[in-house]
Protein backbone atom coordinates (compact mmCIF):
# COMPACT_ATOMS: atom_id res chain seq x y z
CA UNK A 1 142.41 123.72 169.28
CA UNK A 2 144.51 125.92 166.95
CA UNK A 3 147.55 125.77 165.47
CA UNK A 4 149.71 128.79 165.99
CA UNK A 5 153.04 127.83 164.11
CA UNK A 6 152.65 130.30 160.87
CA UNK A 7 154.81 133.40 162.34
CA UNK A 8 154.99 135.22 159.16
CA UNK A 9 151.02 135.87 159.49
CA UNK A 10 151.12 137.28 162.72
CA UNK A 11 150.74 141.20 164.02
CA UNK A 12 152.46 139.99 167.19
CA UNK A 13 154.83 136.93 167.28
CA UNK A 14 156.10 135.60 171.08
CA UNK A 15 158.93 133.14 170.69
CA UNK A 16 160.49 131.24 173.61
CA UNK A 17 160.04 133.60 176.17
CA UNK A 18 160.42 132.86 179.78
CA UNK A 19 159.92 134.81 182.86
CA UNK A 20 161.01 134.36 186.68
CA UNK A 21 160.58 136.03 190.03
CA UNK A 22 162.87 134.82 192.37
CA UNK A 23 162.86 130.90 192.41
CA UNK A 24 158.84 131.03 190.83
CA UNK A 25 158.75 130.35 187.16
CA UNK A 26 155.92 132.44 185.81
CA UNK A 27 156.23 131.82 182.22
CA UNK A 28 158.80 129.25 180.48
CA UNK A 29 159.75 128.71 176.67
CA UNK A 30 156.10 130.07 175.34
CA UNK A 31 156.01 130.56 171.52
CA UNK A 32 152.77 131.91 170.07
CA UNK A 33 151.00 134.79 167.65
CA UNK A 34 148.41 136.70 167.29
CA UNK A 35 146.54 137.27 164.22
CA UNK A 36 144.73 140.55 162.38
CA UNK A 37 141.62 140.93 163.88
CA UNK A 38 141.73 137.83 166.48
CA UNK A 39 140.17 138.49 169.88
CA UNK A 40 141.87 136.43 172.37
CA UNK A 41 140.56 136.10 176.42
CA UNK A 42 143.59 134.72 178.23
CA UNK A 43 142.62 132.52 181.31
CA UNK A 44 144.23 131.22 184.07
CA UNK A 45 144.43 130.93 188.23
CA UNK A 46 145.60 133.86 190.13
CA UNK A 47 149.33 133.98 190.15
CA UNK A 48 149.98 132.13 186.73
CA UNK A 49 151.13 135.30 184.93
CA UNK A 50 148.49 136.45 182.95
CA UNK A 51 149.16 140.48 184.15
CA UNK A 52 153.07 139.57 183.11
CA UNK A 53 152.24 138.32 179.97
CA UNK A 54 150.63 141.32 179.07
CA UNK A 55 153.12 143.66 180.43
CA UNK A 56 155.60 141.99 178.52
CA UNK A 57 153.90 142.14 175.24
CA UNK A 58 152.89 145.82 176.27
CA UNK A 59 156.82 146.64 176.94
CA UNK A 60 156.23 146.98 180.41
CA UNK A 61 158.23 144.40 181.25
CA UNK A 62 160.88 141.89 179.74
CA UNK A 63 160.88 138.44 179.34
CA UNK A 64 164.29 136.85 180.60
CA UNK A 65 164.72 134.54 177.57
CA UNK A 66 163.16 134.73 174.20
CA UNK A 67 161.48 137.62 171.81
CA UNK A 68 158.35 139.55 171.27
CA UNK A 69 158.01 140.90 167.63
CA UNK A 70 155.32 143.24 166.15
CA UNK A 71 154.38 143.61 162.39
CA UNK A 72 155.66 147.25 161.45
CA UNK A 73 153.98 150.53 161.77
CA UNK A 74 151.45 148.78 164.46
CA UNK A 75 149.91 151.22 167.39
CA UNK A 76 149.33 149.60 170.62
CA UNK A 77 147.29 150.41 173.23
CA UNK A 78 147.65 148.67 176.74
CA UNK A 79 145.24 148.99 180.15
CA UNK A 80 146.75 148.26 183.33
CA UNK A 81 144.85 146.40 185.72
CA UNK A 82 145.35 149.54 188.02
CA UNK A 83 145.31 153.06 186.12
CA UNK A 84 148.20 154.64 185.74
CA UNK A 85 147.58 157.96 185.11
CA UNK A 86 148.72 161.63 186.18
CA UNK A 87 146.53 163.02 189.19
CA UNK A 88 147.20 166.63 188.15
CA UNK A 89 146.12 166.26 184.39
CA UNK A 90 142.65 166.83 183.59
CA UNK A 91 141.10 164.58 181.64
CA UNK A 92 141.45 165.96 178.57
CA UNK A 93 145.03 165.96 179.08
CA UNK A 94 145.12 161.92 179.81
CA UNK A 95 143.24 160.91 177.03
CA UNK A 96 145.34 163.03 174.54
CA UNK A 97 148.38 161.79 175.63
CA UNK A 98 149.93 160.70 172.78
CA UNK A 99 152.90 161.67 170.58
CA UNK A 100 150.66 162.63 167.80
CA UNK A 101 150.58 166.13 166.51
CA UNK A 102 146.89 166.19 166.20
CA UNK A 103 146.40 164.78 169.90
CA UNK A 104 149.44 167.33 171.15
CA UNK A 105 147.18 170.10 169.80
CA UNK A 106 144.05 168.99 171.03
CA UNK A 107 145.82 168.53 174.38
CA UNK A 108 147.26 171.74 174.60
CA UNK A 109 143.96 173.62 173.41
CA UNK A 110 142.30 171.96 176.37
CA UNK A 111 144.90 173.35 178.70
CA UNK A 112 144.45 176.83 177.29
CA UNK A 113 140.83 176.60 177.77
CA UNK A 114 141.01 175.46 181.50
CA UNK A 115 143.75 177.95 182.13
CA UNK A 116 141.06 180.62 180.59
CA UNK A 117 138.45 180.10 183.04
CA UNK A 118 140.82 181.40 185.70
CA UNK A 119 142.80 184.23 183.89
CA UNK A 120 142.19 186.43 180.91
CA UNK A 121 144.96 188.20 178.72
CA UNK A 122 145.11 189.18 174.99
CA UNK A 123 148.28 186.92 175.03
CA UNK A 124 146.50 183.99 176.32
CA UNK A 125 143.57 184.90 173.67
CA UNK A 126 146.23 185.09 171.03
CA UNK A 127 147.71 181.46 171.60
CA UNK A 128 143.88 179.96 171.83
CA UNK A 129 143.52 181.64 168.41
CA UNK A 130 146.81 180.30 166.89
CA UNK A 131 146.16 176.81 168.15
CA UNK A 132 142.56 176.97 167.38
CA UNK A 133 143.91 177.84 163.54
CA UNK A 134 146.27 174.48 163.50
CA UNK A 135 143.55 172.34 164.93
CA UNK A 136 141.13 173.24 162.05
CA UNK A 137 143.98 172.81 159.07
CA UNK A 138 145.02 169.58 160.73
CA UNK A 139 141.19 168.37 160.82
CA UNK A 140 141.94 167.88 164.67
CA UNK A 141 138.36 168.44 165.59
CA UNK A 142 137.35 164.78 164.45
CA UNK A 143 139.48 163.57 167.22
CA UNK A 144 137.69 165.91 169.74
CA UNK A 145 134.29 164.82 168.30
CA UNK A 146 135.27 160.85 169.28
CA UNK A 147 136.71 161.65 172.63
CA UNK A 148 133.44 163.36 173.68
CA UNK A 149 131.34 160.45 172.45
CA UNK A 150 133.63 157.86 174.11
CA UNK A 151 133.46 159.80 177.14
CA UNK A 152 129.92 160.12 177.15
CA UNK A 153 129.31 156.66 176.20
CA UNK A 154 131.70 155.92 179.24
CA UNK A 155 129.55 158.22 181.57
CA UNK A 156 132.23 160.92 181.93
CA UNK A 157 130.30 164.14 181.40
CA UNK A 158 133.28 166.22 182.50
CA UNK A 159 136.27 166.63 180.60
CA UNK A 160 138.00 169.28 182.65
CA UNK A 161 138.01 167.46 185.83
CA UNK A 162 140.97 166.53 187.72
CA UNK A 163 142.01 163.09 187.65
CA UNK A 164 143.22 163.12 191.40
CA UNK A 165 139.28 164.19 192.13
CA UNK A 166 137.71 161.17 190.47
CA UNK A 167 137.03 157.92 191.99
CA UNK A 168 138.57 154.84 190.75
CA UNK A 169 136.02 153.87 188.46
CA UNK A 170 135.70 156.77 186.81
CA UNK A 171 139.78 156.84 186.56
CA UNK A 172 139.22 153.26 185.05
CA UNK A 173 136.89 154.79 182.69
CA UNK A 174 139.27 157.90 181.57
CA UNK A 175 141.87 155.09 180.85
CA UNK A 176 140.14 152.90 178.69
CA UNK A 177 139.07 156.45 176.76
CA UNK A 178 142.93 156.73 176.70
CA UNK A 179 143.41 153.69 175.25
CA UNK A 180 140.87 153.35 172.61
CA UNK A 181 141.43 157.19 171.40
CA UNK A 182 144.61 156.26 169.84
CA UNK A 183 143.05 153.43 167.02
CA UNK A 184 145.39 151.15 168.11
CA UNK A 185 145.99 148.14 165.72
CA UNK A 186 146.46 145.85 169.00
CA UNK A 187 144.85 146.25 172.10
CA UNK A 188 145.93 144.68 175.29
CA UNK A 189 143.76 144.85 178.08
CA UNK A 190 143.83 143.74 182.06
CA UNK A 191 140.50 143.56 183.69
CA UNK A 192 138.86 145.96 181.68
CA UNK A 193 135.26 145.65 183.09
CA UNK A 194 136.35 146.60 186.68
CA UNK A 195 134.55 149.35 188.27
CA UNK A 196 132.21 149.79 185.08
CA UNK A 197 128.47 149.80 185.36
CA UNK A 198 126.40 147.34 183.28
CA UNK A 199 125.56 150.02 180.46
CA UNK A 200 129.62 150.61 180.03
CA UNK A 201 130.38 147.03 180.39
CA UNK A 202 127.93 146.55 177.25
CA UNK A 203 128.86 149.48 175.05
CA UNK A 204 132.75 147.99 175.39
CA UNK A 205 131.52 144.73 174.88
CA UNK A 206 129.76 145.81 171.24
CA UNK A 207 132.92 147.83 170.67
CA UNK A 208 135.31 145.41 171.02
CA UNK A 209 133.47 142.68 169.38
CA UNK A 210 132.84 144.98 165.87
CA UNK A 211 136.53 146.30 165.98
CA UNK A 212 139.37 145.45 163.31
CA UNK A 213 141.66 145.42 165.95
CA UNK A 214 143.69 142.34 167.40
CA UNK A 215 142.85 142.20 170.98
CA UNK A 216 144.40 140.05 174.12
CA UNK A 217 142.62 140.54 177.19
CA UNK A 218 142.11 139.24 180.97
CA UNK A 219 138.61 139.29 182.60
CA UNK A 220 136.86 137.36 185.22
CA UNK A 221 133.54 138.52 183.17
CA UNK A 222 132.59 135.09 181.64
CA UNK A 223 129.30 137.07 179.86
CA UNK A 224 131.83 139.29 178.28
CA UNK A 225 134.35 136.46 177.56
CA UNK A 226 131.67 134.56 175.71
CA UNK A 227 130.52 137.82 173.57
CA UNK A 228 133.84 138.77 172.21
CA UNK A 229 136.16 136.01 172.31
CA UNK A 230 136.76 134.28 169.24
CA UNK A 231 139.44 132.44 170.72
CA UNK A 232 140.71 131.51 174.06
CA UNK A 233 144.32 131.27 175.77
CA UNK A 234 144.68 129.28 179.02
CA UNK A 235 147.73 129.40 180.80
CA UNK A 236 148.58 126.47 183.25
CA UNK A 237 152.03 125.85 184.63
CA UNK A 238 153.99 128.19 182.47
CA UNK A 239 152.29 126.88 179.22
CA UNK A 240 149.76 128.26 176.78
CA UNK A 241 147.38 126.21 175.04
CA UNK A 242 144.95 127.69 172.60
CA UNK A 243 141.05 126.96 172.11
CA UNK A 244 139.39 128.57 168.49
CA UNK A 245 136.11 129.28 170.31
CA UNK A 246 134.72 131.67 173.02
CA UNK A 247 134.11 130.72 176.34
CA UNK A 248 131.29 128.72 176.60
CA UNK A 249 133.25 126.34 173.34
CA UNK A 250 136.53 126.57 176.06
CA UNK A 251 134.28 124.88 178.74
CA UNK A 252 132.94 122.17 176.22
CA UNK A 253 136.43 121.50 175.15
CA UNK A 254 137.66 121.18 178.38
CA UNK A 255 135.22 118.73 179.71
CA UNK A 256 135.55 116.56 176.71
CA UNK A 257 139.89 116.26 177.66
CA UNK A 258 138.80 115.61 181.32
CA UNK A 259 136.45 112.80 179.87
CA UNK A 260 139.62 111.75 177.69
CA UNK A 261 142.03 111.60 180.49
CA UNK A 262 139.74 109.71 182.46
CA UNK A 263 139.49 107.00 179.87
CA UNK A 264 143.18 106.85 179.65
CA UNK A 265 143.75 106.62 183.47
CA UNK A 266 140.79 104.07 183.61
CA UNK A 267 142.76 101.73 181.00
CA UNK A 268 146.52 102.99 182.92
CA UNK A 269 145.24 101.13 185.88
CA UNK A 270 143.61 98.37 184.37
CA UNK A 271 147.31 97.54 182.74
CA UNK A 272 148.97 97.97 186.23
CA UNK A 273 146.94 95.77 187.79
CA UNK A 274 147.46 92.71 185.16
CA UNK A 275 151.40 93.69 185.18
CA UNK A 276 151.49 93.60 189.03
CA UNK A 277 149.38 90.34 188.93
CA UNK A 278 152.14 88.70 186.28
CA UNK A 279 154.49 90.01 188.53
CA UNK A 280 153.15 88.11 191.70
CA UNK A 281 152.58 84.93 189.87
CA UNK A 282 156.60 83.87 190.93
CA UNK A 283 159.46 83.22 188.97
CA UNK A 284 158.70 80.41 187.22
CA UNK A 285 155.91 81.51 185.19
CA UNK A 286 157.96 84.46 184.37
CA UNK A 287 159.22 84.93 180.68
CA UNK A 288 163.23 85.22 180.10
CA UNK A 289 163.07 88.95 180.15
CA UNK A 290 161.49 90.10 183.60
CA UNK A 291 163.40 93.68 183.30
CA UNK A 292 160.67 94.51 180.22
CA UNK A 293 158.19 93.89 182.87
CA UNK A 294 159.52 95.67 185.49
CA UNK A 295 160.40 98.79 183.40
CA UNK A 296 156.60 99.06 182.23
CA UNK A 297 155.26 98.64 185.83
CA UNK A 298 157.92 101.65 186.53
CA UNK A 299 156.31 103.70 184.02
CA UNK A 300 152.95 102.99 184.40
CA UNK A 301 152.90 103.82 188.05
CA UNK A 302 154.53 107.27 187.18
CA UNK A 303 152.41 108.04 184.33
CA UNK A 304 149.09 109.21 185.82
CA UNK A 305 147.05 111.00 183.32
CA UNK A 306 145.09 113.01 186.05
CA UNK A 307 146.85 115.61 187.92
CA UNK A 308 145.39 116.42 191.74
CA UNK A 309 143.85 119.64 191.54
CA UNK A 310 144.58 122.18 193.79
CA UNK A 311 141.06 123.38 194.73
CA UNK A 312 140.36 126.10 197.26
CA UNK A 313 138.05 125.11 200.01
CA UNK A 314 135.38 127.41 201.91
CA UNK A 315 134.00 126.20 205.03
CA UNK A 316 133.38 128.48 208.26
CA UNK A 317 131.16 128.11 211.00
CA UNK A 318 128.48 130.66 211.39
CA UNK A 319 126.57 131.85 214.13
CA UNK A 320 122.48 131.44 213.96
CA UNK A 321 120.43 134.01 213.17
CA UNK A 322 117.92 135.45 215.27
CA UNK A 323 114.01 136.36 214.69
CA UNK A 324 115.47 140.22 213.92
CA UNK A 325 117.84 139.97 211.41
CA UNK A 326 118.32 143.95 209.98
CA UNK A 327 115.63 146.57 209.90
CA UNK A 328 116.09 149.46 207.43
CA UNK A 329 113.32 152.33 208.29
CA UNK A 330 112.67 155.10 205.83
CA UNK A 331 116.95 156.30 205.32
CA UNK A 332 117.55 158.87 203.37
CA UNK A 333 121.10 160.41 202.16
CA UNK A 334 122.02 162.95 200.21
CA UNK A 335 125.24 164.56 199.10
CA UNK A 336 125.39 167.08 196.16
CA UNK A 337 122.57 165.04 194.98
CA UNK A 338 119.88 162.90 196.52
CA UNK A 339 121.14 159.41 196.60
CA UNK A 340 117.87 157.70 197.87
CA UNK A 341 114.89 158.74 200.10
CA UNK A 342 112.62 157.12 202.97
CA UNK A 343 113.89 153.57 201.76
CA UNK A 344 112.49 150.65 204.20
CA UNK A 345 113.37 146.89 204.17
CA UNK A 346 113.10 144.28 206.55
CA UNK A 347 116.03 141.25 206.01
CA UNK A 348 114.59 137.92 206.13
CA UNK A 349 116.77 134.84 207.54
CA UNK A 350 118.76 133.27 204.25
CA UNK A 351 117.64 136.58 202.35
CA UNK A 352 120.07 136.87 199.12
CA UNK A 353 120.05 140.44 197.58
CA UNK A 354 122.12 141.66 194.95
CA UNK A 355 122.74 145.74 194.13
CA UNK A 356 123.43 147.17 190.84
CA UNK A 357 123.42 150.99 189.58
CA UNK A 358 125.31 153.57 188.06
CA UNK A 359 128.83 154.19 189.33
CA UNK A 360 128.11 157.12 192.30
CA UNK A 361 124.68 156.07 192.62
CA UNK A 362 125.38 155.77 196.28
CA UNK A 363 125.42 151.81 196.17
CA UNK A 364 128.99 151.47 198.84
CA UNK A 365 127.20 154.56 200.77
CA UNK A 366 124.34 152.45 201.55
CA UNK A 367 126.34 149.61 202.70
CA UNK A 368 128.49 151.68 205.13
CA UNK A 369 125.16 153.00 206.41
CA UNK A 370 123.95 149.38 207.06
CA UNK A 371 126.96 148.54 208.71
CA UNK A 372 126.93 151.85 211.07
CA UNK A 373 130.15 153.16 209.74
CA UNK A 374 128.10 156.25 207.90
CA UNK A 375 124.57 157.84 209.50
CA UNK A 376 121.67 158.52 207.02
CA UNK A 377 120.27 162.28 207.21
CA UNK A 378 116.84 160.66 208.53
CA UNK A 379 115.55 157.32 209.45
CA UNK A 380 117.25 154.24 211.22
CA UNK A 381 118.76 150.89 210.87
CA UNK A 382 118.18 148.42 213.50
CA UNK A 383 120.70 145.43 213.93
CA UNK A 384 119.46 142.04 215.39
CA UNK A 385 121.08 140.90 218.12
CA UNK A 386 122.70 137.72 216.44
CA UNK A 387 123.27 139.23 213.43
CA UNK A 388 127.27 139.34 212.31
CA UNK A 389 128.13 141.64 209.48
CA UNK A 390 131.35 140.61 207.25
CA UNK A 391 132.26 143.51 204.95
CA UNK A 392 134.49 142.91 202.19
CA UNK A 393 135.37 145.99 200.44
CA UNK A 394 136.09 146.97 197.02
CA UNK A 395 139.05 149.07 197.49
CA UNK A 396 142.42 147.37 198.56
CA UNK A 397 143.09 147.10 202.47
CA UNK A 398 145.99 149.01 204.07
CA UNK A 399 148.40 146.83 204.92
CA UNK A 400 152.20 146.25 205.98
CA UNK A 401 154.08 145.37 202.80
CA UNK A 402 156.85 143.71 204.43
CA UNK A 403 154.46 141.52 206.53
CA UNK A 404 154.41 137.56 205.35
CA UNK A 405 151.00 136.01 204.81
CA UNK A 406 150.75 133.96 207.80
CA UNK A 407 151.71 136.77 210.13
CA UNK A 408 148.78 138.81 208.62
CA UNK A 409 145.89 136.00 209.32
CA UNK A 410 147.87 135.27 212.52
CA UNK A 411 147.07 139.31 213.66
CA UNK A 412 143.30 138.43 213.18
CA UNK A 413 142.68 134.50 214.16
CA UNK A 414 145.39 131.99 215.33
CA UNK A 415 142.67 129.53 214.95
CA UNK A 416 139.53 129.00 213.21
CA UNK A 417 136.42 126.72 213.37
CA UNK A 418 135.60 125.28 210.19
CA UNK A 419 131.68 124.40 209.22
CA UNK A 420 131.82 121.03 210.45
CA UNK A 421 133.45 122.27 213.90
CA UNK A 422 137.05 121.24 213.10
CA UNK A 423 139.47 123.91 214.52
CA UNK A 424 142.34 124.78 212.14
CA UNK A 425 145.39 126.58 212.30
CA UNK A 426 146.09 129.90 210.41
CA UNK A 427 148.67 127.64 208.40
CA UNK A 428 146.04 125.26 207.73
CA UNK A 429 142.84 127.41 206.57
CA UNK A 430 145.88 128.93 204.32
CA UNK A 431 146.54 125.87 202.81
CA UNK A 432 142.63 125.53 201.61
CA UNK A 433 142.70 129.08 200.25
CA UNK A 434 145.90 127.46 197.81
CA UNK A 435 148.57 129.59 199.69
CA UNK A 436 151.10 126.49 200.27
CA UNK A 437 154.29 126.40 202.63
CA UNK A 438 156.37 128.82 200.30
CA UNK A 439 153.67 131.26 200.01
CA UNK A 440 152.65 131.59 203.51
CA UNK A 441 156.10 132.71 203.90
CA UNK A 442 155.93 135.49 201.23
CA UNK A 443 155.50 139.01 202.14
CA UNK A 444 152.39 140.61 200.92
CA UNK A 445 153.86 143.10 198.49
CA UNK A 446 154.91 140.04 196.29
CA UNK A 447 151.64 138.58 196.08
CA UNK A 448 149.68 139.25 192.62
CA UNK A 449 146.43 141.18 192.83
CA UNK A 450 144.30 138.34 192.73
CA UNK A 451 146.26 136.43 195.35
CA UNK A 452 146.23 139.61 197.55
CA UNK A 453 142.49 139.80 197.05
CA UNK A 454 141.79 136.13 197.82
CA UNK A 455 143.83 136.53 201.25
CA UNK A 456 141.56 139.62 202.11
CA UNK A 457 138.59 137.16 201.42
CA UNK A 458 140.21 135.09 203.72
CA UNK A 459 139.84 137.50 206.62
CA UNK A 460 136.82 138.67 205.81
CA UNK A 461 135.21 135.18 206.20
CA UNK A 462 137.15 133.95 209.66
CA UNK A 463 134.83 135.28 212.37
CA UNK A 464 131.67 133.42 211.76
CA UNK A 465 129.49 135.94 210.39
CA UNK A 466 126.10 135.61 209.35
CA UNK A 467 125.25 138.25 207.17
CA UNK A 468 127.72 138.60 204.26
CA UNK A 469 128.14 141.98 202.53
CA UNK A 470 130.03 142.02 199.50
CA UNK A 471 131.28 145.19 197.72
CA UNK A 472 132.35 144.08 194.02
CA UNK A 473 133.99 140.92 195.28
CA UNK A 474 134.96 139.25 191.63
CA UNK A 475 137.36 142.57 190.93
CA UNK A 476 140.86 140.60 190.28
CA UNK A 477 139.56 136.95 191.23
CA UNK A 478 140.44 134.39 188.61
CA UNK A 479 137.29 132.33 187.42
CA UNK A 480 138.15 129.15 189.00
CA UNK A 481 137.97 131.22 192.49
CA UNK A 482 134.83 132.55 191.57
CA UNK A 483 133.23 129.51 190.80
CA UNK A 484 134.39 128.00 194.31
CA UNK A 485 133.13 131.50 196.04
CA UNK A 486 129.97 130.90 193.93
CA UNK A 487 129.37 127.22 195.18
CA UNK A 488 130.10 128.31 199.21
CA UNK A 489 127.33 131.44 198.89
CA UNK A 490 124.88 129.12 197.04
CA UNK A 491 124.81 127.10 200.17
CA UNK A 492 125.49 129.94 202.66
CA UNK A 493 122.58 129.72 205.24
CA UNK A 494 123.08 133.45 206.23
CA UNK A 495 122.08 136.95 204.41
CA UNK A 496 123.84 137.90 201.21
CA UNK A 497 124.09 141.46 200.16
CA UNK A 498 126.29 141.92 197.15
CA UNK A 499 127.10 144.53 195.24
CA UNK A 500 128.28 144.04 191.56
CA UNK A 501 128.48 144.71 187.96
CA UNK A 502 129.27 141.08 187.28
CA UNK A 503 126.15 139.52 185.49
CA UNK A 504 127.45 135.82 185.66
CA UNK A 505 127.94 136.28 189.32
CA UNK A 506 124.90 137.83 190.38
CA UNK A 507 122.52 135.42 188.24
CA UNK A 508 124.44 132.51 190.29
CA UNK A 509 124.36 134.02 193.91
CA UNK A 510 121.05 135.94 194.61
CA UNK A 511 117.17 135.68 194.10
CA UNK A 512 116.53 139.81 193.92
CA UNK A 513 118.01 143.07 193.37
CA UNK A 514 118.21 146.70 194.91
CA UNK A 515 117.98 148.85 191.98
CA UNK A 516 119.95 152.22 192.67
CA UNK A 517 118.36 154.75 189.72
CA UNK A 518 117.51 158.64 189.51
CA UNK A 519 117.68 158.89 193.43
CA UNK A 520 115.85 155.74 194.25
CA UNK A 521 116.40 152.25 195.18
CA UNK A 522 113.71 150.14 193.48
CA UNK A 523 113.21 146.34 194.69
CA UNK A 524 113.33 143.87 191.76
CA UNK A 525 112.20 140.10 192.50
CA UNK A 526 114.51 138.33 190.23
CA UNK A 527 117.87 137.91 189.33
CA UNK A 528 120.46 140.09 187.38
CA UNK A 529 119.07 138.35 183.83
CA UNK A 530 115.44 138.82 184.55
CA UNK A 531 116.34 142.70 185.33
CA UNK A 532 117.68 143.00 181.92
CA UNK A 533 115.14 140.60 180.22
CA UNK A 534 112.20 143.31 181.88
CA UNK A 535 114.49 146.22 181.07
CA UNK A 536 114.01 145.44 177.61
CA UNK A 537 110.75 144.53 177.64
CA UNK A 538 109.64 148.07 179.28
CA UNK A 539 111.98 149.86 176.46
CA UNK A 540 110.14 147.79 173.52
CA UNK A 541 106.63 148.28 174.82
CA UNK A 542 107.54 152.42 175.34
CA UNK A 543 108.57 152.62 171.75
CA UNK A 544 105.59 150.20 170.68
CA UNK A 545 103.25 152.75 172.60
CA UNK A 546 104.65 155.88 171.41
CA UNK A 547 104.33 154.35 167.61
CA UNK A 548 100.55 153.20 168.25
CA UNK A 549 100.22 156.80 169.91
CA UNK A 550 101.38 158.53 166.89
CA UNK A 551 99.13 156.24 164.49
CA UNK A 552 96.39 157.09 167.07
CA UNK A 553 96.50 160.62 166.61
CA UNK A 554 97.52 161.12 162.95
CA UNK A 555 94.20 158.37 162.04
CA UNK A 556 92.27 160.62 164.54
CA UNK A 557 93.00 164.05 162.59
CA UNK A 558 91.32 162.26 159.66
CA UNK A 559 87.46 163.53 159.16
CA UNK A 560 85.23 160.38 159.70
CA UNK A 561 82.95 159.82 156.86
CA UNK A 562 81.12 156.90 155.53
CA UNK A 563 80.57 155.58 158.30
CA UNK A 564 77.35 154.18 159.74
CA UNK A 565 75.72 155.75 162.89
CA UNK A 566 76.15 152.40 164.87
CA UNK A 567 79.93 152.14 164.07
CA UNK A 568 80.58 155.69 164.58
CA UNK A 569 79.15 155.37 168.58
CA UNK A 570 81.19 152.52 168.82
CA UNK A 571 84.35 154.47 167.93
CA UNK A 572 83.90 157.00 169.96
CA UNK A 573 83.04 154.66 172.92
CA UNK A 574 86.55 152.75 171.78
CA UNK A 575 88.56 155.78 171.72
CA UNK A 576 87.21 156.71 175.49
CA UNK A 577 88.17 153.54 176.68
CA UNK A 578 91.70 153.39 175.31
CA UNK A 579 92.11 156.50 176.86
CA UNK A 580 91.02 155.15 180.27
CA UNK A 581 93.04 152.12 179.88
CA UNK A 582 95.96 154.01 179.07
CA UNK A 583 95.50 156.31 182.15
CA UNK A 584 95.46 153.15 184.52
CA UNK A 585 98.31 151.81 182.96
CA UNK A 586 100.19 155.17 183.83
CA UNK A 587 99.24 154.92 187.06
CA UNK A 588 100.29 151.48 187.75
CA UNK A 589 103.77 152.47 186.58
CA UNK A 590 103.68 155.37 188.58
CA UNK A 591 103.22 152.95 191.89
CA UNK A 592 105.82 151.22 190.64
CA UNK A 593 108.37 153.54 190.21
CA UNK A 594 107.31 156.11 193.05
CA UNK A 595 106.73 153.53 195.72
CA UNK A 596 108.47 150.80 194.95
CA UNK A 597 110.92 151.42 198.12
CA UNK A 598 107.71 149.84 199.98
CA UNK A 599 106.55 147.50 198.00
CA UNK A 600 106.78 143.50 198.77
CA UNK A 601 107.58 140.88 196.30
CA UNK A 602 103.69 140.06 196.38
CA UNK A 603 103.13 143.70 195.69
CA UNK A 604 105.24 143.28 192.66
CA UNK A 605 103.70 140.21 191.39
CA UNK A 606 100.10 141.54 191.79
CA UNK A 607 101.04 144.87 190.04
CA UNK A 608 102.54 142.94 187.05
CA UNK A 609 99.73 140.80 186.16
CA UNK A 610 97.19 143.49 186.65
CA UNK A 611 99.29 145.69 183.90
CA UNK A 612 99.70 142.65 181.81
CA UNK A 613 95.81 142.43 182.26
CA UNK A 614 95.31 146.18 181.12
CA UNK A 615 98.00 145.77 178.39
CA UNK A 616 95.99 142.79 177.04
CA UNK A 617 92.56 144.81 176.83
CA UNK A 618 94.35 147.71 175.50
CA UNK A 619 95.45 145.88 172.32
CA UNK A 620 92.08 144.64 172.16
CA UNK A 621 90.92 147.72 171.74
CA UNK A 622 93.24 149.51 169.59
CA UNK A 623 92.83 146.54 167.00
CA UNK A 624 89.33 147.63 166.98
CA UNK A 625 89.71 150.84 166.84
CA UNK A 626 91.97 150.71 163.74
CA UNK A 627 89.25 148.23 162.31
CA UNK A 628 86.60 150.79 162.98
CA UNK A 629 89.14 153.88 161.62
CA UNK A 630 89.57 151.82 158.22
CA UNK A 631 86.16 151.66 157.56
CA UNK A 632 86.44 155.97 157.12
CA UNK A 633 89.44 155.29 154.56
């Protein structure tokens, strides 16, 4: 664990800050510092003040007591959990939102360019030329080049798009680019991986890890925490505690702390037992100072080392699935581009499938087609008679802000059957989801984003569904809630279909994937980590094949001489065999890419094994070819 008492060395110093909302204490007399180039991940359960702490450091809110001090001339970048962008601005205008003169010039230049698309005038041309000259003189084009690079890496191709016309995920990426553009010395990020696809997450992960900025961030992505963090700050009951290492180190230390507390608790129980035994022996055997013993007994009784853990419990009765679960027959969907074509899949009992793909590739549309809220352009979906869907959506539900937590659940189910057959009231089931007596009477508007999301999760599980569909379920949940949800989904007897970019969550919960890419849905028999390994392997093999082909062409262009007639015949035969093997391999790859929607798990295994055999033969032939070519040289 790390000591944090040398405030003079800090880039940011937090001294005895406290914050309350009504009667609820969020942060209580907390002091710590952030040092240069530190990368600190903030972990705690929902409602414990993670977002509030970031807002106070960013100056969005003020502490009730205490102070926050920054080293002089520091720039701070803050990414809120929900983007606060001007819906009328273009992407350019948002990412150049700064008082810096260079940013203002680029913002004005972008505005004039956008205006010139709709009107032409000499005055407008003169303005454009004047701004252009100022940008040239100030060297601001470097910033513009950097902006294009960030937008491209985050998957935003058109900087002239209006913010109000972008999806939630696209707005999130604009907001990230806005924060990074100013090269902040201190970066504060609240759930930066929400709505990002895997390529954007990995780029951001590498960027932050290699950055020289001080970083404090909240995320539920455990792989992201492990890769980026140099330290973990845990909030519990308004207090903070630091751990000098990544998330894996933090988990190890927490496990060691628990073992230590269990040992102390065992000793306390043993001492208490001895003292009670002494008190029960009778007055004659007691010493002349029994009050000391009584005080000691009271202390031991009140000093438990292990706090009772308030843990969420998920248990609901589910309807048994029938012979037919869900059949997808040759569905196709297009908007301005082809999302997927002729996709078929027959779900079997207990099947658990993850869905991955870039933003805008049609994942959410696919879920809507399966649940009947949207129609495919062609093909059809057949739902089994006993199939009961539960759809946990990515976006927040529309809700009445002034309704209480209890009234919200009562609207849907005053009583709920658990997995063991017990009938629980709305109040009892809310307690199991960590909504205690006070919170049950709270208005929905007063809940944190994570608490409200947990309530929506409860509502989606109430009705005994046997086919759970979840669209980005990990957004805004704390890690503890995710671990409990993962355990529940592990044992869930029905079908799962989960859209997520959370690599750890998918590894825990699914057995196969639907991969949305280039207008197709490809079936993959494995979890997310398996898919990434295969993707990496294919990329390496492709690069290796290109290198070998280049060498092959280069060597082939050299005139053969000083080679025996027998070797010459073998060389020519080997070249022919190499061409045939490469053609076979290309056919296998074509079958995988073009016919993947209709391939089963056994087909994937067969084709993969055949491809491996062809690769082995090809490598042997290439080695022999290189030996024969060497004779010429």
